[in-house]
Structures are given as structure tokens and as C-alpha cells.
């Protein structure tokens, strides 16, 4: 008696599995479609409108003389002396704030990485400057600290002079005498907690067995920091520098509130120069072109930041 043979299995038609997989992917992504459309409408449409405006010679005081000029506004952006000064000020301001904030943030992160009484309170107090609104922080530094008549700096300086027998110390107008350092210090005060949080997360992600092995081998604290901790923190430092650069390069509040770009355009950065071009000169096309250049530069920096974040995630997953 012969056994009944099973019917032969038929292969699925070509493209069947690919079609079903694609349908499942679209089914998962469809609920996100409204958010995607909203994001595009809010972010990309204004940018496209800015691109269009940047190709026109458009002064709002002369509405009848608007005309298409192509890339002339971009040529003006790269050749105008005021904009070149603004670019230089932006580089100096951004690099100074990011560098000093990273160094101070690293020192504070190493202190908070140790156990001591009141560490939670100290961490909360150190984070507080980052939570202050930028305009409020700028007003605080301009009036409560830098003011030559009743500011904290001159008050402290006068108190020190009185300790040594002098009647009064010098009255220094800090904003007028040192405009760029005044803006840099206020921004460092605000951005150091941000760097501290990133680097503290990196310190707490260190493998404990490696640090224990270094202690057992008799490595000093400086050698451990130089050969183990610092290489481990490299990606976190890069991430802090990239994110800090993205945010600080767009600084407007501190410049407008503390110095208003002066004296003599010594603190005028690109965002403030764009503001002056738009609302003082009323040159919409030139301001739009400068804004496009800033956005493209920020996108380049953000691309490197996203790659650094992705590499950090891959490193954490591989552990």
C-alpha cells in the first residue's frame, strides 16, 4: 500500500514578500504622517520662503522697486565689511564660550562624580543657570553685576580697596570697557551647566573594572585621568562642543541686551547683524541671504553632532 504523497509546496509569487513587508512598514509609519506633514509645514516652508526672498533686491521702504537679483545678495553677504566683522565676532564669541564652558564643565563634572554630603543640592544649584531664560540672564549680568554704579563687580572691588585703607576703588564700566569678555562671561555662566551634564554622564558611564584595575596597578589620579578618563570622554567632549556651537552661534539675547552690538560693532555677531539688516536697514533680501548662510552652517555642524550621538548610542548598545 503506497503512502499518499503530500501536495508540492508552491513558491510565493515574485514580489509577494517584498510587497507585504513594505505594506507593514507603511502601516507602522502611517500614524506618524500627520506629525511629519506638520513638521515640514512649520520648518521647511518658511525656509523655502526665505530662499525665495534672498533672491530679491527688496527694501521695504521702496516697495515698488523690488526685483529679482539671483545670487547677488549672497555675494554681498560674503563681501560686505560689516558682515565679515560679524562673522569674525561670531567665531570669537562661539569658540571662547564653548572652550571655557567645556573646561569648567569638565572640572565641575569631576567634582560631582565624587560622593560627598549635599551632592544632590550642589548638582541642582549648578544646573540652575542653564534653566534661567536667556534674556533674564543677560539682564541679571548687565544690571546686577556689570553696572558701574551699583553692580556686584564694582561693589566687591570697592570693598577690597577699603580693606587696604583706600576710600574707594575704581569705578569701571565693564560693558563699555570690555564688551566681548562681558558677553562671553555671561554666556559661559549659562552654558557651563549644559557641558557639565554631558560630561558627567560620560564620567558615570566609565567601566568601573578598568578604573579599579588602574588603582590596583598603582596608577596615580593624573595618569588615570590622562590615559583612561580623557580618552573615554573624547566623544562626549566632541558632542558638547558641537551642540554648544550650534546653540551659541545663534546667540542674540545676550548681545542685544548687554551691548547691542557695540561699542563700534565689537560684539555684533551674525544673528544681531541680520536683525540690524532686517529692522534697521529694512533690506529683506540681504537679511534673508545672511539667514540662509547661517542655517546652512548650522546644518553642517548639526550633521557632525548627529553622527557623534549615533556613535555614542552604538557604543552603548555594543556593551
Foldseek 3Di string as FASTA:
>chain_A
DDDDDDDDDDDDDPCPVVVVVVVVVCVVCVVCVVVVVVVCVVPVVVLVVLVVLLQWFDFPVCHVPIDGRGCVLLVCCVPPPLNVLQAVLLVVLLVLLLVLLLVLLLVVLVVLLDDDPCSVVVLVVLLVLQVDDLLVLLVCLQPQAQDQPHHPPLVVQQVVVVVVPDPGDDRDNCCAVPVSVSLSVSSSSNCSSVSNVLLNVLVVPFDPVVVVVCVVVPHDPVRCCVPPVVVSCVLSSLLSSLVSSLVSSLDDSNCCRRPLCDDVNNNNHLNSVLVCCCPVVSRSNSSSSSVSVSVVVSVVSVVVNVVSVVVVVVVVVVD
